[in-house]
C-alpha atoms as a PDB file:
ATOM      1  CA  UNK A   1     -13.598 -16.882   7.038  1.00  0.00           C
ATOM      2  CA  UNK A   2     -11.045 -15.450   9.526  1.00  0.00           C
ATOM      3  CA  UNK A   3      -8.825 -14.025   6.795  1.00  0.00           C
ATOM      4  CA  UNK A   4     -11.853 -12.597   5.030  1.00  0.00           C
ATOM      5  CA  UNK A   5     -13.079 -10.932   8.225  1.00  0.00           C
ATOM      6  CA  UNK A   6      -9.757  -9.277   9.024  1.00  0.00           C
ATOM      7  CA  UNK A   7      -9.271  -8.262   5.413  1.00  0.00           C
ATOM      8  CA  UNK A   8     -12.464  -6.217   5.566  1.00  0.00           C
ATOM      9  CA  UNK A   9     -11.595  -4.963   9.051  1.00  0.00           C
ATOM     10  CA  UNK A  10      -8.311  -3.464   7.901  1.00  0.00           C
ATOM     11  CA  UNK A  11      -9.950  -1.963   4.821  1.00  0.00           C
ATOM     12  CA  UNK A  12     -12.570  -0.211   6.916  1.00  0.00           C
ATOM     13  CA  UNK A  13     -10.562   0.836   9.972  1.00  0.00           C
ATOM     14  CA  UNK A  14      -9.330   3.957   8.180  1.00  0.00           C
ATOM     15  CA  UNK A  15     -12.944   4.874   7.392  1.00  0.00           C
ATOM     16  CA  UNK A  16     -13.926   4.370  11.029  1.00  0.00           C
ATOM     17  CA  UNK A  17     -11.027   6.555  12.115  1.00  0.00           C
ATOM     18  CA  UNK A  18     -12.069   9.236   9.646  1.00  0.00           C
ATOM     19  CA  UNK A  19     -15.617   9.225  11.038  1.00  0.00           C
ATOM     20  CA  UNK A  20     -14.319   9.655  14.577  1.00  0.00           C
ATOM     21  CA  UNK A  21     -11.949  12.470  13.571  1.00  0.00           C
ATOM     22  CA  UNK A  22     -14.832  14.245  11.822  1.00  0.00           C
ATOM     23  CA  UNK A  23     -16.969  14.306  14.977  1.00  0.00           C
ATOM     24  CA  UNK A  24     -14.096  15.484  17.188  1.00  0.00           C
ATOM     25  CA  UNK A  25     -13.160  18.223  14.748  1.00  0.00           C
ATOM     26  CA  UNK A  26     -16.756  19.398  14.513  1.00  0.00           C
ATOM     27  CA  UNK A  27     -16.897  19.682  18.298  1.00  0.00           C
ATOM     28  CA  UNK A  28     -13.719  21.761  18.336  1.00  0.00           C
ATOM     29  CA  UNK A  29     -15.073  24.141  15.745  1.00  0.00           C
ATOM     30  CA  UNK A  30     -18.261  24.635  17.724  1.00  0.00           C
ATOM     31  CA  UNK A  31     -16.347  25.533  20.863  1.00  0.00           C
ATOM     32  CA  UNK A  32     -15.043  28.684  19.192  1.00  0.00           C
ATOM     33  CA  UNK A  33     -16.707  32.085  19.298  1.00  0.00           C
ATOM     34  CA  UNK A  34     -19.833  32.263  17.139  1.00  0.00           C
ATOM     35  CA  UNK A  35     -18.322  35.169  15.208  1.00  0.00           C
ATOM     36  CA  UNK A  36     -16.053  32.633  13.557  1.00  0.00           C
ATOM     37  CA  UNK A  37     -18.957  31.710  11.302  1.00  0.00           C
ATOM     38  CA  UNK A  38     -18.949  35.233   9.908  1.00  0.00           C
ATOM     39  CA  UNK A  39     -15.495  34.509   8.518  1.00  0.00           C
ATOM     40  CA  UNK A  40     -16.445  31.375   6.619  1.00  0.00           C
ATOM     41  CA  UNK A  41     -20.087  32.064   5.745  1.00  0.00           C
ATOM     42  CA  UNK A  42     -19.207  32.992   2.158  1.00  0.00           C
ATOM     43  CA  UNK A  43     -17.007  29.963   1.544  1.00  0.00           C
ATOM     44  CA  UNK A  44     -18.743  27.496  -0.748  1.00  0.00           C
ATOM     45  CA  UNK A  45     -17.458  24.268  -2.259  1.00  0.00           C
ATOM     46  CA  UNK A  46     -19.596  23.418  -5.258  1.00  0.00           C
ATOM     47  CA  UNK A  47     -20.920  19.915  -5.710  1.00  0.00           C
ATOM     48  CA  UNK A  48     -18.460  18.870  -8.373  1.00  0.00           C
ATOM     49  CA  UNK A  49     -15.588  16.421  -8.520  1.00  0.00           C
ATOM     50  CA  UNK A  50     -12.473  18.537  -8.855  1.00  0.00           C
ATOM     51  CA  UNK A  51      -9.736  17.228 -11.176  1.00  0.00           C
ATOM     52  CA  UNK A  52      -6.890  15.508  -9.393  1.00  0.00           C
ATOM     53  CA  UNK A  53      -3.400  16.951  -9.609  1.00  0.00           C
ATOM     54  CA  UNK A  54      -2.145  14.025 -11.664  1.00  0.00           C
ATOM     55  CA  UNK A  55      -3.576  11.037 -13.468  1.00  0.00           C
ATOM     56  CA  UNK A  56      -1.984   8.574 -11.057  1.00  0.00           C
ATOM     57  CA  UNK A  57      -3.327  10.208  -7.905  1.00  0.00           C
ATOM     58  CA  UNK A  58      -5.697   7.334  -7.138  1.00  0.00           C
ATOM     59  CA  UNK A  59      -2.752   4.954  -6.867  1.00  0.00           C
ATOM     60  CA  UNK A  60      -0.978   7.110  -4.263  1.00  0.00           C
ATOM     61  CA  UNK A  61      -3.956   8.713  -2.555  1.00  0.00           C
ATOM     62  CA  UNK A  62      -3.574   9.172   1.182  1.00  0.00           C
ATOM     63  CA  UNK A  63      -7.040   9.777   2.611  1.00  0.00           C
ATOM     64  CA  UNK A  64      -5.491  10.929   5.897  1.00  0.00           C
ATOM     65  CA  UNK A  65      -3.696  13.843   4.242  1.00  0.00           C
ATOM     66  CA  UNK A  66      -5.943  16.782   3.412  1.00  0.00           C
ATOM     67  CA  UNK A  67      -8.068  19.504   4.957  1.00  0.00           C
ATOM     68  CA  UNK A  68     -11.605  20.287   6.089  1.00  0.00           C
ATOM     69  CA  UNK A  69     -13.669  22.331   3.641  1.00  0.00           C
ATOM     70  CA  UNK A  70     -17.014  24.036   4.158  1.00  0.00           C
ATOM     71  CA  UNK A  71     -19.700  22.754   1.769  1.00  0.00           C
ATOM     72  CA  UNK A  72     -23.189  24.268   1.930  1.00  0.00           C
ATOM     73  CA  UNK A  73     -24.270  22.742  -1.385  1.00  0.00           C
ATOM     74  CA  UNK A  74     -23.975  18.962  -1.027  1.00  0.00           C
ATOM     75  CA  UNK A  75     -23.913  18.696   2.769  1.00  0.00           C
ATOM     76  CA  UNK A  76     -25.317  17.667   5.211  1.00  0.00           C
ATOM     77  CA  UNK A  77     -25.738  14.060   4.115  1.00  0.00           C
ATOM     78  CA  UNK A  78     -29.052  13.686   5.960  1.00  0.00           C
ATOM     79  CA  UNK A  79     -31.586  15.693   7.933  1.00  0.00           C
ATOM     80  CA  UNK A  80     -31.822  14.765  11.594  1.00  0.00           C
ATOM     81  CA  UNK A  81     -35.609  15.156  11.759  1.00  0.00           C
ATOM     82  CA  UNK A  82     -36.058  12.895   8.725  1.00  0.00           C
ATOM     83  CA  UNK A  83     -34.032   9.989  10.123  1.00  0.00           C
ATOM     84  CA  UNK A  84     -36.141   7.273  11.726  1.00  0.00           C
ATOM     85  CA  UNK A  85     -33.064   5.813  13.470  1.00  0.00           C
ATOM     86  CA  UNK A  86     -32.075   9.002  15.293  1.00  0.00           C
ATOM     87  CA  UNK A  87     -31.868   8.631  19.079  1.00  0.00           C
ATOM     88  CA  UNK A  88     -32.623  11.384  21.574  1.00  0.00           C
ATOM     89  CA  UNK A  89     -29.077  11.278  22.906  1.00  0.00           C
ATOM     90  CA  UNK A  90     -27.752  12.395  19.523  1.00  0.00           C
ATOM     91  CA  UNK A  91     -30.658  14.607  18.415  1.00  0.00           C
ATOM     92  CA  UNK A  92     -29.055  18.041  18.807  1.00  0.00           C
ATOM     93  CA  UNK A  93     -31.538  19.903  16.607  1.00  0.00           C
ATOM     94  CA  UNK A  94     -34.560  18.322  18.286  1.00  0.00           C
ATOM     95  CA  UNK A  95     -33.495  19.726  21.643  1.00  0.00           C
ATOM     96  CA  UNK A  96     -32.817  23.249  20.486  1.00  0.00           C
ATOM     97  CA  UNK A  97     -29.355  23.446  18.997  1.00  0.00           C
ATOM     98  CA  UNK A  98     -29.304  26.366  16.555  1.00  0.00           C
ATOM     99  CA  UNK A  99     -25.721  26.408  15.249  1.00  0.00           C
ATOM    100  CA  UNK A 100     -25.995  23.530  12.755  1.00  0.00           C
ATOM    101  CA  UNK A 101     -23.378  24.752  10.323  1.00  0.00           C
ATOM    102  CA  UNK A 102     -20.922  22.160  11.621  1.00  0.00           C
ATOM    103  CA  UNK A 103     -22.856  19.640   9.506  1.00  0.00           C
ATOM    104  CA  UNK A 104     -21.498  21.260   6.333  1.00  0.00           C
ATOM    105  CA  UNK A 105     -17.842  20.442   6.887  1.00  0.00           C
ATOM    106  CA  UNK A 106     -16.369  17.601   4.867  1.00  0.00           C
ATOM    107  CA  UNK A 107     -12.935  16.070   4.458  1.00  0.00           C
ATOM    108  CA  UNK A 108     -11.040  16.808   1.247  1.00  0.00           C
ATOM    109  CA  UNK A 109      -7.951  14.608   0.606  1.00  0.00           C
ATOM    110  CA  UNK A 110      -4.981  16.484  -0.797  1.00  0.00           C
ATOM    111  CA  UNK A 111      -4.362  14.622  -4.062  1.00  0.00           C
ATOM    112  CA  UNK A 112      -7.644  12.871  -4.743  1.00  0.00           C
ATOM    113  CA  UNK A 113     -11.385  13.120  -4.167  1.00  0.00           C
ATOM    114  CA  UNK A 114     -13.848  11.343  -1.950  1.00  0.00           C
ATOM    115  CA  UNK A 115     -17.131  10.866  -3.804  1.00  0.00           C
ATOM    116  CA  UNK A 116     -20.236  11.957  -1.943  1.00  0.00           C
ATOM    117  CA  UNK A 117     -21.620   9.145   0.174  1.00  0.00           C
ATOM    118  CA  UNK A 118     -24.318   7.125  -1.588  1.00  0.00           C
ATOM    119  CA  UNK A 119     -26.407   4.837   0.609  1.00  0.00           C
ATOM    120  CA  UNK A 120     -27.552   2.450  -2.109  1.00  0.00           C
ATOM    121  CA  UNK A 121     -24.015   2.141  -3.491  1.00  0.00           C
ATOM    122  CA  UNK A 122     -22.810   1.339   0.027  1.00  0.00           C
ATOM    123  CA  UNK A 123     -25.447  -1.366   0.468  1.00  0.00           C
ATOM    124  CA  UNK A 124     -24.448  -2.819  -2.889  1.00  0.00           C
ATOM    125  CA  UNK A 125     -20.847  -3.021  -1.648  1.00  0.00           C
ATOM    126  CA  UNK A 126     -21.909  -5.027   1.403  1.00  0.00           C
ATOM    127  CA  UNK A 127     -24.630  -7.066  -0.309  1.00  0.00           C
ATOM    128  CA  UNK A 128     -24.990 -10.419   1.432  1.00  0.00           C
ATOM    129  CA  UNK A 129     -22.612  -9.380   4.215  1.00  0.00           C
ATOM    130  CA  UNK A 130     -22.735  -8.488   7.894  1.00  0.00           C
ATOM    131  CA  UNK A 131     -21.040  -5.359   9.196  1.00  0.00           C
ATOM    132  CA  UNK A 132     -20.745  -4.908  12.951  1.00  0.00           C
ATOM    133  CA  UNK A 133     -19.750  -1.988  15.163  1.00  0.00           C
ATOM    134  CA  UNK A 134     -18.449  -3.182  18.551  1.00  0.00           C
ATOM    135  CA  UNK A 135     -17.844  -0.807  21.440  1.00  0.00           C
ATOM    136  CA  UNK A 136     -19.481   1.964  23.444  1.00  0.00           C
ATOM    137  CA  UNK A 137     -21.500   5.125  22.790  1.00  0.00           C
ATOM    138  CA  UNK A 138     -18.927   6.456  20.328  1.00  0.00           C
ATOM    139  CA  UNK A 139     -19.493   3.513  17.994  1.00  0.00           C
ATOM    140  CA  UNK A 140     -23.201   3.754  18.697  1.00  0.00           C
ATOM    141  CA  UNK A 141     -23.077   7.340  17.447  1.00  0.00           C
ATOM    142  CA  UNK A 142     -21.233   6.244  14.298  1.00  0.00           C
ATOM    143  CA  UNK A 143     -23.715   3.418  13.733  1.00  0.00           C
ATOM    144  CA  UNK A 144     -26.749   5.707  14.030  1.00  0.00           C
ATOM    145  CA  UNK A 145     -25.121   8.263  11.734  1.00  0.00           C
ATOM    146  CA  UNK A 146     -24.360   5.611   9.108  1.00  0.00           C
ATOM    147  CA  UNK A 147     -27.956   4.342   9.179  1.00  0.00           C
ATOM    148  CA  UNK A 148     -29.245   7.893   8.747  1.00  0.00           C
ATOM    149  CA  UNK A 149     -26.909   8.398   5.789  1.00  0.00           C
ATOM    150  CA  UNK A 150     -28.120   5.165   4.200  1.00  0.00           C
ATOM    151  CA  UNK A 151     -31.797   5.845   4.853  1.00  0.00           C
ATOM    152  CA  UNK A 152     -31.592   9.220   3.091  1.00  0.00           C
ATOM    153  CA  UNK A 153     -30.739   7.335  -0.129  1.00  0.00           C
ATOM    154  CA  UNK A 154     -33.470   4.700   0.147  1.00  0.00           C
ATOM    155  CA  UNK A 155     -37.056   5.009  -1.089  1.00  0.00           C
ATOM    156  CA  UNK A 156     -39.712   5.150   1.670  1.00  0.00           C
ATOM    157  CA  UNK A 157     -41.041   1.781   0.528  1.00  0.00           C
ATOM    158  CA  UNK A 158     -37.725  -0.044   1.063  1.00  0.00           C
ATOM    159  CA  UNK A 159     -38.022  -3.250   3.069  1.00  0.00           C
ATOM    160  CA  UNK A 160     -35.871  -2.827   6.171  1.00  0.00           C
ATOM    161  CA  UNK A 161     -35.997  -3.702   9.852  1.00  0.00           C
ATOM    162  CA  UNK A 162     -34.282  -2.760  13.122  1.00  0.00           C
ATOM    163  CA  UNK A 163     -34.086  -5.407  15.840  1.00  0.00           C
ATOM    164  CA  UNK A 164     -32.696  -5.459  19.402  1.00  0.00           C
ATOM    165  CA  UNK A 165     -31.504  -8.747  20.888  1.00  0.00           C
ATOM    166  CA  UNK A 166     -29.728  -8.294  24.211  1.00  0.00           C
ATOM    167  CA  UNK A 167     -26.567  -6.287  23.579  1.00  0.00           C
ATOM    168  CA  UNK A 168     -27.002  -6.541  19.816  1.00  0.00           C
ATOM    169  CA  UNK A 169     -28.906  -4.104  17.633  1.00  0.00           C
ATOM    170  CA  UNK A 170     -29.038  -4.740  13.947  1.00  0.00           C
ATOM    171  CA  UNK A 171     -30.448  -3.131  10.851  1.00  0.00           C
ATOM    172  CA  UNK A 172     -31.263  -5.456   7.967  1.00  0.00           C
ATOM    173  CA  UNK A 173     -32.147  -4.516   4.416  1.00  0.00           C
ATOM    174  CA  UNK A 174     -34.092  -7.281   2.670  1.00  0.00           C
ATOM    175  CA  UNK A 175     -33.365  -6.202  -0.897  1.00  0.00           C
ATOM    176  CA  UNK A 176     -29.591  -6.227  -0.422  1.00  0.00           C
ATOM    177  CA  UNK A 177     -29.540  -8.935   2.257  1.00  0.00           C
ATOM    178  CA  UNK A 178     -27.177  -6.618   4.128  1.00  0.00           C
ATOM    179  CA  UNK A 179     -26.899  -6.328   7.901  1.00  0.00           C
ATOM    180  CA  UNK A 180     -25.335  -3.442   9.825  1.00  0.00           C
ATOM    181  CA  UNK A 181     -25.229  -4.091  13.550  1.00  0.00           C
ATOM    182  CA  UNK A 182     -24.067  -2.601  16.818  1.00  0.00           C
ATOM    183  CA  UNK A 183     -22.880  -4.742  19.703  1.00  0.00           C
ATOM    184  CA  UNK A 184     -22.587  -2.995  23.068  1.00  0.00           C
ATOM    185  CA  UNK A 185     -19.284  -3.987  24.683  1.00  0.00           C
ATOM    186  CA  UNK A 186     -17.517  -0.877  26.037  1.00  0.00           C
ATOM    187  CA  UNK A 187     -14.296  -2.670  27.009  1.00  0.00           C
ATOM    188  CA  UNK A 188     -14.498  -5.459  24.370  1.00  0.00           C
ATOM    189  CA  UNK A 189     -13.811  -7.954  27.173  1.00  0.00           C
ATOM    190  CA  UNK A 190     -16.346  -8.499  29.983  1.00  0.00           C
ATOM    191  CA  UNK A 191     -16.965  -5.694  32.471  1.00  0.00           C
ATOM    192  CA  UNK A 192     -19.514  -4.618  35.072  1.00  0.00           C
ATOM    193  CA  UNK A 193     -20.888  -2.002  32.653  1.00  0.00           C
ATOM    194  CA  UNK A 194     -21.913  -4.344  29.838  1.00  0.00           C
ATOM    195  CA  UNK A 195     -25.631  -3.759  30.366  1.00  0.00           C
ATOM    196  CA  UNK A 196     -27.057  -1.782  27.457  1.00  0.00           C
ATOM    197  CA  UNK A 197     -29.305   0.350  29.669  1.00  0.00           C
ATOM    198  CA  UNK A 198     -27.460   0.461  33.013  1.00  0.00           C
ATOM    199  CA  UNK A 199     -23.803   1.056  32.268  1.00  0.00           C
ATOM    200  CA  UNK A 200     -23.075   4.406  33.938  1.00  0.00           C
ATOM    201  CA  UNK A 201     -21.241   2.816  36.835  1.00  0.00           C
ATOM    202  CA  UNK A 202     -18.612   4.301  39.126  1.00  0.00           C
ATOM    203  CA  UNK A 203     -15.712   2.001  39.848  1.00  0.00           C
ATOM    204  CA  UNK A 204     -15.692   0.066  36.623  1.00  0.00           C
ATOM    205  CA  UNK A 205     -14.281  -3.447  36.791  1.00  0.00           C
ATOM    206  CA  UNK A 206     -13.056  -5.594  33.906  1.00  0.00           C
ATOM    207  CA  UNK A 207     -12.202  -9.241  33.371  1.00  0.00           C
ATOM    208  CA  UNK A 208      -9.340  -8.985  30.910  1.00  0.00           C
ATOM    209  CA  UNK A 209      -9.312 -12.727  30.170  1.00  0.00           C
ATOM    210  CA  UNK A 210     -13.047 -13.055  29.471  1.00  0.00           C
ATOM    211  CA  UNK A 211     -14.145 -12.491  25.890  1.00  0.00           C
ATOM    212  CA  UNK A 212     -16.305 -15.423  24.803  1.00  0.00           C
ATOM    213  CA  UNK A 213     -19.570 -13.941  26.108  1.00  0.00           C
ATOM    214  CA  UNK A 214     -19.210 -11.051  23.662  1.00  0.00           C
ATOM    215  CA  UNK A 215     -17.094 -12.453  20.858  1.00  0.00           C
ATOM    216  CA  UNK A 216     -19.526 -15.245  20.005  1.00  0.00           C
ATOM    217  CA  UNK A 217     -21.755 -12.535  18.553  1.00  0.00           C
ATOM    218  CA  UNK A 218     -18.995 -11.277  16.236  1.00  0.00           C
ATOM    219  CA  UNK A 219     -17.785 -14.541  14.760  1.00  0.00           C
ATOM    220  CA  UNK A 220     -19.973 -14.442  11.661  1.00  0.00           C
ATOM    221  CA  UNK A 221     -19.271 -10.789  10.803  1.00  0.00           C
ATOM    222  CA  UNK A 222     -17.578  -9.909   7.518  1.00  0.00           C
ATOM    223  CA  UNK A 223     -16.625  -6.384   8.614  1.00  0.00           C
ATOM    224  CA  UNK A 224     -15.767  -5.403  12.193  1.00  0.00           C
ATOM    225  CA  UNK A 225     -15.252  -1.880  13.555  1.00  0.00           C
ATOM    226  CA  UNK A 226     -14.034  -1.557  17.148  1.00  0.00           C
ATOM    227  CA  UNK A 227     -13.532   1.494  19.326  1.00  0.00           C
ATOM    228  CA  UNK A 228     -11.684   1.944  22.624  1.00  0.00           C
ATOM    229  CA  UNK A 229     -13.035   5.216  24.043  1.00  0.00           C
ATOM    230  CA  UNK A 230     -13.999   3.806  27.462  1.00  0.00           C
ATOM    231  CA  UNK A 231     -10.432   2.685  28.123  1.00  0.00           C
ATOM    232  CA  UNK A 232      -9.088   6.234  28.160  1.00  0.00           C
ATOM    233  CA  UNK A 233     -11.365   7.709  30.842  1.00  0.00           C
ATOM    234  CA  UNK A 234      -9.384   6.627  33.937  1.00  0.00           C
ATOM    235  CA  UNK A 235      -5.632   6.324  34.593  1.00  0.00           C
ATOM    236  CA  UNK A 236      -6.160   2.965  36.323  1.00  0.00           C
ATOM    237  CA  UNK A 237      -8.744   0.205  36.072  1.00  0.00           C
ATOM    238  CA  UNK A 238      -9.812  -2.562  38.425  1.00  0.00           C
ATOM    239  CA  UNK A 239      -9.176  -6.094  37.223  1.00  0.00           C
ATOM    240  CA  UNK A 240     -11.088  -8.952  38.821  1.00  0.00           C
ATOM    241  CA  UNK A 241      -9.206 -12.130  39.790  1.00  0.00           C
ATOM    242  CA  UNK A 242     -10.214 -15.287  41.617  1.00  0.00           C
ATOM    243  CA  UNK A 243      -7.491 -17.317  43.367  1.00  0.00           C
ATOM    244  CA  UNK A 244      -8.121 -20.996  44.085  1.00  0.00           C
ATOM    245  CA  UNK A 245      -5.238 -23.189  45.333  1.00  0.00           C
ATOM    246  CA  UNK A 246      -2.544 -20.860  43.967  1.00  0.00           C
ATOM    247  CA  UNK A 247      -4.115 -21.020  40.492  1.00  0.00           C
ATOM    248  CA  UNK A 248      -5.431 -17.737  39.131  1.00  0.00           C
ATOM    249  CA  UNK A 249      -8.894 -17.901  37.641  1.00  0.00           C
ATOM    250  CA  UNK A 250     -10.948 -14.986  36.467  1.00  0.00           C
ATOM    251  CA  UNK A 251     -13.659 -14.252  39.005  1.00  0.00           C
ATOM    252  CA  UNK A 252     -17.308 -13.363  38.678  1.00  0.00           C
ATOM    253  CA  UNK A 253     -18.662  -9.883  39.384  1.00  0.00           C
ATOM    254  CA  UNK A 254     -20.345  -9.188  42.731  1.00  0.00           C
ATOM    255  CA  UNK A 255     -18.864 -12.237  44.472  1.00  0.00           C
ATOM    256  CA  UNK A 256     -16.997 -12.355  47.781  1.00  0.00           C
ATOM    257  CA  UNK A 257     -14.274 -14.638  46.407  1.00  0.00           C
ATOM    258  CA  UNK A 258     -13.015 -12.138  43.870  1.00  0.00           C
ATOM    259  CA  UNK A 259      -9.714 -10.309  44.228  1.00  0.00           C
ATOM    260  CA  UNK A 260      -9.498  -6.849  42.720  1.00  0.00           C
ATOM    261  CA  UNK A 261      -6.291  -5.235  41.594  1.00  0.00           C
ATOM    262  CA  UNK A 262      -5.810  -1.739  40.228  1.00  0.00           C
ATOM    263  CA  UNK A 263      -3.753  -1.788  37.054  1.00  0.00           C
ATOM    264  CA  UNK A 264      -2.407   1.041  34.942  1.00  0.00           C
ATOM    265  CA  UNK A 265      -4.760   1.789  32.072  1.00  0.00           C
ATOM    266  CA  UNK A 266      -2.259   1.093  29.284  1.00  0.00           C
ATOM    267  CA  UNK A 267      -1.190  -2.198  30.863  1.00  0.00           C
ATOM    268  CA  UNK A 268      -4.782  -3.386  31.360  1.00  0.00           C
ATOM    269  CA  UNK A 269      -5.603  -2.317  27.802  1.00  0.00           C
ATOM    270  CA  UNK A 270      -2.650  -4.342  26.538  1.00  0.00           C
ATOM    271  CA  UNK A 271      -3.844  -7.381  28.496  1.00  0.00           C
ATOM    272  CA  UNK A 272      -7.342  -7.051  27.054  1.00  0.00           C
ATOM    273  CA  UNK A 273      -6.009  -6.720  23.504  1.00  0.00           C
ATOM    274  CA  UNK A 274      -3.960  -9.887  23.972  1.00  0.00           C
ATOM    275  CA  UNK A 275      -7.118 -11.662  25.116  1.00  0.00           C
ATOM    276  CA  UNK A 276      -8.919 -10.218  22.137  1.00  0.00           C
ATOM    277  CA  UNK A 277      -6.255 -11.480  19.741  1.00  0.00           C
ATOM    278  CA  UNK A 278      -5.767 -14.945  21.242  1.00  0.00           C
ATOM    279  CA  UNK A 279      -9.424 -15.520  22.146  1.00  0.00           C
ATOM    280  CA  UNK A 280     -10.561 -14.454  18.702  1.00  0.00           C
ATOM    281  CA  UNK A 281      -8.232 -16.936  17.015  1.00  0.00           C
ATOM    282  CA  UNK A 282      -9.356 -19.744  19.327  1.00  0.00           C
ATOM    283  CA  UNK A 283     -13.055 -19.071  18.783  1.00  0.00           C
ATOM    284  CA  UNK A 284     -12.544 -18.825  15.031  1.00  0.00           C
ATOM    285  CA  UNK A 285     -10.822 -22.216  14.967  1.00  0.00           C
ATOM    286  CA  UNK A 286     -13.630 -23.772  17.024  1.00  0.00           C
ATOM    287  CA  UNK A 287     -16.265 -22.241  14.748  1.00  0.00           C
ATOM    288  CA  UNK A 288     -14.462 -23.550  11.681  1.00  0.00           C
ATOM    289  CA  UNK A 289     -14.240 -27.054  13.162  1.00  0.00           C
ATOM    290  CA  UNK A 290     -17.928 -27.000  14.090  1.00  0.00           C
ATOM    291  CA  UNK A 291     -18.945 -25.886  10.609  1.00  0.00           C
ATOM    292  CA  UNK A 292     -16.927 -28.663   8.964  1.00  0.00           C
ATOM    293  CA  UNK A 293     -18.197 -31.435  11.247  1.00  0.00           C
END
């Protein structure tokens, strides 16, 4: 199960990266003068699969090498007002945004083609599987966007549900027995901003050795997508320790016996990733032993 999980993770991490790059690039375009749109308004990419430069392009295709093209025929992939999963925090059009042309940009690899996203084909690919986004609002944005893209391909009568359980949201499609979830864990390890609703906290504190509380919700996932946005907001982070008889334990939040130490962001991130790697392996072994007993 562990090998299977990481196999899917590495297959999908490029896709997750591409999603994130697309949102950042769109934001950069929108920061330019509005007259820029007069330059590209006549550029149209027709909804056709263009022939590749050579017959073997699929074998050497690098999806990270290419350019952004403006497509006002086959994009956008969904309409914001028609998506039942859209949240107010991401609903730009609902709250008056007029310049929506950023939705028509798509990524075109240099030597190959990306087929237009098809929600039912995607669900078929993950039939019987569980896909989980783990992280903060950036992954939440990606999760909502993916659900909107899928919903636009499904008939209105499709049997689907959206459930919230603590830090875990998940969408489940009955027909495909496919689950696409979001687990709120901004630092992956435990922190004082893990609450789904009350996480805008000044003076964030992390426990770099504490992962079990969160990771137990990921252990049965077939596909995992992590993001690390929250780590890059401050040059240093507070780490919580608890010292008892010269032995270092990892303290509890809001206790008088905790010792706080400011650590450089990259160093604390490295410590958390080591916990993530080692703790994940340990929990996977325990889960495997429990399932075989």
